[in-house]
Amino acid sequence: MRAAVSALTVSNITFIAGSDADIDSGLLCFVKFTLNDQIAIDGVTLRLTSSGKLTLSFPKRKDRTGNEHPFLYPINATARANIEEQVFARLPRRAAQRR
């Protein structure tokens, strides 16, 4: 039996603006944050999708055959929404205006 998932608390959020080329391709900024005051998360990107929606993209690597292997990621849509809501709430006005 699985234990209930506890609330996720995102703190110490830092945004680092992408280059003009990054922004033109939809990558608005890089994001660092702390999860539950215990885990530092780095390498996350804030992206603007082709449909105009903001989303977080979590770091991954590709192996020599092109398969992607994420380093970390939200385990379900609820966890993703929880993290994104907290990060987007702290989004600098300048980045939010690029939407």
C-alpha atoms as a PDB file:
ATOM      1  CA  MET A   1       0.000   0.000   0.000  1.00  0.00           C
ATOM      2  CA  ARG A   2       1.330   3.455  -0.946  1.00  0.00           C
ATOM      3  CA  ALA A   3       1.553   6.284   1.532  1.00  0.00           C
ATOM      4  CA  ALA A   4      -0.377   9.438   0.704  1.00  0.00           C
ATOM      5  CA  VAL A   5       1.639  12.053  -1.141  1.00  0.00           C
ATOM      6  CA  SER A   6       2.331  15.026   1.082  1.00  0.00           C
ATOM      7  CA  ALA A   7       2.113  18.605  -0.121  1.00  0.00           C
ATOM      8  CA  LEU A   8       5.035  19.936  -2.097  1.00  0.00           C
ATOM      9  CA  THR A   9       6.527  23.228  -0.974  1.00  0.00           C
ATOM     10  CA  VAL A  10       8.611  25.144  -3.479  1.00  0.00           C
ATOM     11  CA  SER A  11      10.883  27.871  -2.095  1.00  0.00           C
ATOM     12  CA  ASN A  12      14.078  29.789  -2.894  1.00  0.00           C
ATOM     13  CA  ILE A  13      13.008  30.200  -6.518  1.00  0.00           C
ATOM     14  CA  THR A  14      15.568  31.790  -8.826  1.00  0.00           C
ATOM     15  CA  PHE A  15      14.964  32.738 -12.464  1.00  0.00           C
ATOM     16  CA  ILE A  16      17.805  33.250 -14.959  1.00  0.00           C
ATOM     17  CA  ALA A  17      16.696  34.783 -18.245  1.00  0.00           C
ATOM     18  CA  GLY A  18      17.335  32.904 -21.453  1.00  0.00           C
ATOM     19  CA  SER A  19      19.228  34.460 -24.342  1.00  0.00           C
ATOM     20  CA  ASP A  20      17.327  36.165 -27.159  1.00  0.00           C
ATOM     21  CA  ALA A  21      17.770  32.997 -29.245  1.00  0.00           C
ATOM     22  CA  ASP A  22      16.444  30.866 -26.358  1.00  0.00           C
ATOM     23  CA  ILE A  23      13.431  33.125 -25.961  1.00  0.00           C
ATOM     24  CA  ASP A  24      12.735  33.053 -29.708  1.00  0.00           C
ATOM     25  CA  SER A  25      12.623  29.245 -29.471  1.00  0.00           C
ATOM     26  CA  GLY A  26      10.241  29.295 -26.482  1.00  0.00           C
ATOM     27  CA  LEU A  27      12.749  28.891 -23.632  1.00  0.00           C
ATOM     28  CA  LEU A  28      12.031  31.925 -21.446  1.00  0.00           C
ATOM     29  CA  CYS A  29      14.330  31.242 -18.498  1.00  0.00           C
ATOM     30  CA  PHE A  30      16.143  28.715 -16.368  1.00  0.00           C
ATOM     31  CA  VAL A  31      14.697  27.986 -12.942  1.00  0.00           C
ATOM     32  CA  LYS A  32      16.269  26.804  -9.680  1.00  0.00           C
ATOM     33  CA  PHE A  33      14.294  26.067  -6.529  1.00  0.00           C
ATOM     34  CA  THR A  34      14.223  24.113  -3.289  1.00  0.00           C
ATOM     35  CA  LEU A  35      11.650  21.385  -2.773  1.00  0.00           C
ATOM     36  CA  ASN A  36      10.268  20.832   0.738  1.00  0.00           C
ATOM     37  CA  ASP A  37      13.284  22.659   2.213  1.00  0.00           C
ATOM     38  CA  GLN A  38      15.325  19.515   1.535  1.00  0.00           C
ATOM     39  CA  ILE A  39      16.185  19.106  -2.140  1.00  0.00           C
ATOM     40  CA  ALA A  40      17.788  21.670  -4.470  1.00  0.00           C
ATOM     41  CA  ILE A  41      16.396  21.445  -7.996  1.00  0.00           C
ATOM     42  CA  ASP A  42      18.373  22.997 -10.868  1.00  0.00           C
ATOM     43  CA  GLY A  43      18.287  22.760 -14.642  1.00  0.00           C
ATOM     44  CA  VAL A  44      14.532  23.274 -14.974  1.00  0.00           C
ATOM     45  CA  THR A  45      13.441  25.537 -17.817  1.00  0.00           C
ATOM     46  CA  LEU A  46      10.367  27.703 -18.159  1.00  0.00           C
ATOM     47  CA  ARG A  47       8.984  27.375 -21.671  1.00  0.00           C
ATOM     48  CA  LEU A  48       6.229  28.925 -23.704  1.00  0.00           C
ATOM     49  CA  THR A  49       4.502  26.268 -25.796  1.00  0.00           C
ATOM     50  CA  SER A  50       3.368  26.854 -29.378  1.00  0.00           C
ATOM     51  CA  SER A  51      -0.183  27.155 -28.004  1.00  0.00           C
ATOM     52  CA  GLY A  52       0.918  29.990 -25.672  1.00  0.00           C
ATOM     53  CA  LYS A  53       0.895  27.994 -22.429  1.00  0.00           C
ATOM     54  CA  LEU A  54       3.657  28.258 -19.829  1.00  0.00           C
ATOM     55  CA  THR A  55       5.182  24.974 -18.717  1.00  0.00           C
ATOM     56  CA  LEU A  56       8.186  23.726 -16.786  1.00  0.00           C
ATOM     57  CA  SER A  57      10.566  21.341 -18.501  1.00  0.00           C
ATOM     58  CA  PHE A  58      12.650  19.127 -16.238  1.00  0.00           C
ATOM     59  CA  PRO A  59      16.265  18.136 -17.008  1.00  0.00           C
ATOM     60  CA  LYS A  60      17.049  14.961 -18.907  1.00  0.00           C
ATOM     61  CA  ARG A  61      19.828  13.435 -20.916  1.00  0.00           C
ATOM     62  CA  LYS A  62      19.862  11.502 -24.148  1.00  0.00           C
ATOM     63  CA  ASP A  63      21.767   8.264 -24.481  1.00  0.00           C
ATOM     64  CA  ARG A  64      23.762   7.371 -27.594  1.00  0.00           C
ATOM     65  CA  THR A  65      20.676   5.843 -29.229  1.00  0.00           C
ATOM     66  CA  GLY A  66      18.608   8.999 -28.684  1.00  0.00           C
ATOM     67  CA  ASN A  67      16.463   7.713 -25.813  1.00  0.00           C
ATOM     68  CA  GLU A  68      15.700  10.339 -23.184  1.00  0.00           C
ATOM     69  CA  HIS A  69      16.321   9.672 -19.487  1.00  0.00           C
ATOM     70  CA  PRO A  70      14.954  12.298 -17.086  1.00  0.00           C
ATOM     71  CA  PHE A  71      17.012  13.136 -14.016  1.00  0.00           C
ATOM     72  CA  LEU A  72      13.871  14.059 -12.104  1.00  0.00           C
ATOM     73  CA  TYR A  73      10.258  14.843 -12.902  1.00  0.00           C
ATOM     74  CA  PRO A  74       6.855  15.229 -11.247  1.00  0.00           C
ATOM     75  CA  ILE A  75       5.304  11.791 -10.791  1.00  0.00           C
ATOM     76  CA  ASN A  76       1.834  12.844 -11.971  1.00  0.00           C
ATOM     77  CA  ALA A  77      -0.223  15.766 -13.283  1.00  0.00           C
ATOM     78  CA  THR A  78      -1.203  16.845  -9.765  1.00  0.00           C
ATOM     79  CA  ALA A  79       2.425  17.121  -8.651  1.00  0.00           C
ATOM     80  CA  ARG A  80       3.325  19.012 -11.846  1.00  0.00           C
ATOM     81  CA  ALA A  81       0.425  21.442 -11.375  1.00  0.00           C
ATOM     82  CA  ASN A  82       1.397  22.000  -7.724  1.00  0.00           C
ATOM     83  CA  ILE A  83       5.015  22.835  -8.608  1.00  0.00           C
ATOM     84  CA  GLU A  84       4.089  24.975 -11.619  1.00  0.00           C
ATOM     85  CA  GLU A  85       1.514  26.965  -9.654  1.00  0.00           C
ATOM     86  CA  GLN A  86       4.085  27.886  -7.013  1.00  0.00           C
ATOM     87  CA  VAL A  87       6.817  28.722  -9.548  1.00  0.00           C
ATOM     88  CA  PHE A  88       4.499  30.736 -11.823  1.00  0.00           C
ATOM     89  CA  ALA A  89       3.263  32.753  -8.823  1.00  0.00           C
ATOM     90  CA  ARG A  90       6.838  34.032  -8.331  1.00  0.00           C
ATOM     91  CA  LEU A  91       7.512  34.653 -12.017  1.00  0.00           C
ATOM     92  CA  PRO A  92       9.027  38.088 -12.646  1.00  0.00           C
ATOM     93  CA  ARG A  93       6.607  40.418 -14.412  1.00  0.00           C
ATOM     94  CA  ARG A  94       9.010  40.847 -17.350  1.00  0.00           C
ATOM     95  CA  ALA A  95       9.038  37.102 -18.104  1.00  0.00           C
ATOM     96  CA  ALA A  96       5.286  36.844 -17.668  1.00  0.00           C
ATOM     97  CA  GLN A  97       4.782  39.622 -20.248  1.00  0.00           C
ATOM     98  CA  ARG A  98       6.508  37.516 -22.914  1.00  0.00           C
ATOM     99  CA  ARG A  99       3.513  35.180 -22.901  1.00  0.00           C
END
